[in-house]
Amino acid sequence: MKDDIKYKLGRNIKIERIRKDITQEEFAEKIDMSLSYISKLEQGLTSPTALALFKMSKVLDIPMEEFFKGIDII
């Protein structure tokens, strides 16, 4: 279940990034994270920190809640 949440969260981040026409490289630079970190996030292999989510929401100009669309933890 935890892996499913990471996968869905990563997918939502990727969808929003693509929607804004930002490459992984550009995104990584804008949020001051490595390209490999962005890649792992979008594949659901790791979870973002609160700070990373905050930076992503600012760069993508969306509320943080958007990253959690379609994710149920119950």
N, C-alpha and C. Protein backbone atom coordinates (compact mmCIF):
# COMPACT_ATOMS: atom_id res chain seq x y z
N MET A 1 0.83 -1.20 0.00
CA MET A 1 0.00 0.00 0.00
C MET A 1 0.87 1.26 0.00
N LYS A 2 1.93 1.25 0.82
CA LYS A 2 2.82 2.40 0.87
C LYS A 2 3.46 2.64 -0.50
N ASP A 3 3.87 1.57 -1.18
CA ASP A 3 4.47 1.71 -2.50
C ASP A 3 3.46 2.26 -3.50
N ASP A 4 2.20 1.86 -3.35
CA ASP A 4 1.13 2.35 -4.22
C ASP A 4 0.96 3.86 -4.06
N ILE A 5 1.05 4.34 -2.84
CA ILE A 5 0.93 5.78 -2.56
C ILE A 5 2.10 6.52 -3.20
N LYS A 6 3.31 5.99 -3.03
CA LYS A 6 4.48 6.62 -3.63
C LYS A 6 4.36 6.66 -5.15
N TYR A 7 3.86 5.58 -5.73
CA TYR A 7 3.70 5.51 -7.19
C TYR A 7 2.70 6.58 -7.66
N LYS A 8 1.54 6.64 -7.00
CA LYS A 8 0.50 7.60 -7.40
C LYS A 8 0.97 9.04 -7.20
N LEU A 9 1.65 9.29 -6.11
CA LEU A 9 2.17 10.63 -5.84
C LEU A 9 3.19 11.01 -6.93
N GLY A 10 4.08 10.11 -7.24
CA GLY A 10 5.06 10.35 -8.30
C GLY A 10 4.42 10.59 -9.65
N ARG A 11 3.40 9.81 -9.93
CA ARG A 11 2.67 9.97 -11.20
C ARG A 11 2.01 11.35 -11.27
N ASN A 12 1.40 11.78 -10.16
CA ASN A 12 0.75 13.09 -10.13
C ASN A 12 1.76 14.22 -10.30
N ILE A 13 2.92 14.08 -9.69
CA ILE A 13 3.97 15.09 -9.86
C ILE A 13 4.38 15.16 -11.33
N LYS A 14 4.58 14.00 -11.93
CA LYS A 14 4.99 13.95 -13.34
C LYS A 14 3.93 14.57 -14.24
N ILE A 15 2.67 14.25 -14.00
CA ILE A 15 1.58 14.80 -14.81
C ILE A 15 1.57 16.32 -14.74
N GLU A 16 1.69 16.86 -13.54
CA GLU A 16 1.69 18.32 -13.38
C GLU A 16 2.91 18.96 -14.03
N ARG A 17 4.07 18.31 -13.93
CA ARG A 17 5.28 18.83 -14.55
C ARG A 17 5.14 18.87 -16.06
N ILE A 18 4.62 17.79 -16.63
CA ILE A 18 4.43 17.72 -18.08
C ILE A 18 3.38 18.73 -18.53
N ARG A 19 2.34 18.88 -17.74
CA ARG A 19 1.28 19.84 -18.05
C ARG A 19 1.85 21.26 -18.19
N LYS A 20 2.87 21.56 -17.41
CA LYS A 20 3.52 22.88 -17.45
C LYS A 20 4.66 22.93 -18.46
N ASP A 21 4.85 21.83 -19.20
CA ASP A 21 5.88 21.74 -20.24
C ASP A 21 7.27 22.02 -19.69
N ILE A 22 7.58 21.37 -18.57
CA ILE A 22 8.89 21.50 -17.93
C ILE A 22 9.58 20.14 -17.98
N THR A 23 10.82 20.11 -18.44
CA THR A 23 11.57 18.85 -18.48
C THR A 23 12.00 18.47 -17.06
N GLN A 24 12.38 17.22 -16.89
CA GLN A 24 12.89 16.78 -15.59
C GLN A 24 14.12 17.60 -15.20
N GLU A 25 14.97 17.85 -16.18
CA GLU A 25 16.19 18.62 -15.91
C GLU A 25 15.86 20.03 -15.42
N GLU A 26 14.94 20.70 -16.11
CA GLU A 26 14.54 22.05 -15.71
C GLU A 26 13.89 22.04 -14.33
N PHE A 27 13.06 21.05 -14.10
CA PHE A 27 12.35 20.94 -12.83
C PHE A 27 13.35 20.75 -11.69
N ALA A 28 14.29 19.86 -11.89
CA ALA A 28 15.31 19.60 -10.87
C ALA A 28 16.08 20.87 -10.54
N GLU A 29 16.44 21.61 -11.56
CA GLU A 29 17.18 22.85 -11.36
C GLU A 29 16.34 23.89 -10.61
N LYS A 30 15.08 24.01 -10.99
CA LYS A 30 14.20 25.02 -10.38
C LYS A 30 13.91 24.75 -8.91
N ILE A 31 13.88 23.47 -8.52
CA ILE A 31 13.61 23.17 -7.11
C ILE A 31 14.88 22.81 -6.35
N ASP A 32 16.02 22.97 -7.02
CA ASP A 32 17.32 22.73 -6.40
C ASP A 32 17.47 21.30 -5.87
N MET A 33 17.09 20.36 -6.72
CA MET A 33 17.22 18.94 -6.42
C MET A 33 17.93 18.27 -7.60
N SER A 34 18.41 17.06 -7.41
CA SER A 34 19.11 16.38 -8.49
C SER A 34 18.11 15.76 -9.48
N LEU A 35 18.60 15.56 -10.70
CA LEU A 35 17.79 14.91 -11.72
C LEU A 35 17.43 13.49 -11.30
N SER A 36 18.36 12.79 -10.68
CA SER A 36 18.07 11.42 -10.25
C SER A 36 16.98 11.40 -9.18
N TYR A 37 16.93 12.42 -8.32
CA TYR A 37 15.87 12.52 -7.30
C TYR A 37 14.51 12.68 -7.97
N ILE A 38 14.42 13.55 -8.97
CA ILE A 38 13.16 13.77 -9.69
C ILE A 38 12.74 12.47 -10.38
N SER A 39 13.68 11.81 -11.01
CA SER A 39 13.39 10.55 -11.69
C SER A 39 12.85 9.51 -10.71
N LYS A 40 13.50 9.37 -9.57
CA LYS A 40 13.05 8.40 -8.56
C LYS A 40 11.68 8.77 -8.01
N LEU A 41 11.44 10.07 -7.80
CA LEU A 41 10.13 10.51 -7.33
C LEU A 41 9.03 10.11 -8.31
N GLU A 42 9.26 10.43 -9.58
CA GLU A 42 8.24 10.18 -10.60
C GLU A 42 8.00 8.70 -10.85
N GLN A 43 8.98 7.87 -10.52
CA GLN A 43 8.81 6.42 -10.66
C GLN A 43 8.20 5.79 -9.41
N GLY A 44 8.03 6.59 -8.36
CA GLY A 44 7.48 6.06 -7.12
C GLY A 44 8.50 5.29 -6.30
N LEU A 45 9.78 5.54 -6.53
CA LEU A 45 10.82 4.81 -5.81
C LEU A 45 11.23 5.49 -4.50
N THR A 46 10.85 6.76 -4.36
CA THR A 46 11.14 7.50 -3.14
C THR A 46 10.01 8.48 -2.87
N SER A 47 9.95 8.97 -1.65
CA SER A 47 8.92 9.93 -1.27
C SER A 47 9.54 11.32 -1.12
N PRO A 48 8.82 12.34 -1.55
CA PRO A 48 9.35 13.69 -1.41
C PRO A 48 9.24 14.19 0.03
N THR A 49 10.14 15.08 0.39
CA THR A 49 10.04 15.73 1.70
C THR A 49 8.97 16.82 1.59
N ALA A 50 8.55 17.33 2.72
CA ALA A 50 7.58 18.43 2.73
C ALA A 50 8.16 19.65 2.01
N LEU A 51 9.45 19.91 2.23
CA LEU A 51 10.10 21.04 1.58
C LEU A 51 10.12 20.87 0.07
N ALA A 52 10.41 19.66 -0.40
CA ALA A 52 10.42 19.40 -1.84
C ALA A 52 9.03 19.60 -2.43
N LEU A 53 8.00 19.11 -1.74
CA LEU A 53 6.63 19.30 -2.22
C LEU A 53 6.27 20.78 -2.28
N PHE A 54 6.70 21.53 -1.28
CA PHE A 54 6.43 22.96 -1.24
C PHE A 54 7.09 23.65 -2.44
N LYS A 55 8.36 23.34 -2.69
CA LYS A 55 9.07 23.93 -3.82
C LYS A 55 8.39 23.56 -5.14
N MET A 56 7.99 22.29 -5.28
CA MET A 56 7.34 21.83 -6.50
C MET A 56 6.03 22.57 -6.73
N SER A 57 5.27 22.76 -5.66
CA SER A 57 3.98 23.45 -5.82
C SER A 57 4.19 24.90 -6.25
N LYS A 58 5.24 25.53 -5.75
CA LYS A 58 5.54 26.92 -6.14
C LYS A 58 5.98 26.99 -7.61
N VAL A 59 6.87 26.10 -8.02
CA VAL A 59 7.37 26.09 -9.40
C VAL A 59 6.24 25.79 -10.38
N LEU A 60 5.37 24.84 -10.02
CA LEU A 60 4.27 24.44 -10.91
C LEU A 60 3.04 25.34 -10.75
N ASP A 61 3.07 26.21 -9.74
CA ASP A 61 1.97 27.14 -9.48
C ASP A 61 0.64 26.41 -9.24
N ILE A 62 0.72 25.40 -8.38
CA ILE A 62 -0.49 24.65 -7.99
C ILE A 62 -0.46 24.44 -6.48
N PRO A 63 -1.64 24.22 -5.87
CA PRO A 63 -1.65 23.90 -4.44
C PRO A 63 -1.05 22.52 -4.20
N MET A 64 -0.41 22.34 -3.07
CA MET A 64 0.21 21.04 -2.75
C MET A 64 -0.80 19.90 -2.80
N GLU A 65 -2.05 20.19 -2.50
CA GLU A 65 -3.08 19.13 -2.49
C GLU A 65 -3.22 18.45 -3.84
N GLU A 66 -2.90 19.17 -4.91
CA GLU A 66 -3.03 18.60 -6.25
C GLU A 66 -2.18 17.35 -6.42
N PHE A 67 -1.07 17.28 -5.73
CA PHE A 67 -0.19 16.12 -5.84
C PHE A 67 -0.84 14.86 -5.26
N PHE A 68 -1.86 15.04 -4.42
CA PHE A 68 -2.47 13.90 -3.73
C PHE A 68 -3.83 13.50 -4.32
N LYS A 69 -4.15 14.04 -5.48
CA LYS A 69 -5.41 13.68 -6.14
C LYS A 69 -5.45 12.19 -6.40
N GLY A 70 -6.58 11.58 -6.06
CA GLY A 70 -6.78 10.15 -6.34
C GLY A 70 -6.05 9.21 -5.40
N ILE A 71 -5.50 9.74 -4.34
CA ILE A 71 -4.77 8.89 -3.38
C ILE A 71 -5.60 8.74 -2.11
N ASP A 72 -5.95 7.51 -1.79
CA ASP A 72 -6.66 7.20 -0.56
C ASP A 72 -5.73 6.43 0.35
N ILE A 73 -5.67 6.82 1.60
CA ILE A 73 -4.80 6.11 2.53
C ILE A 73 -5.58 5.20 3.47
N ILE A 74 -6.87 5.20 3.31
CA ILE A 74 -7.72 4.36 4.17
C ILE A 74 -8.18 3.14 3.41
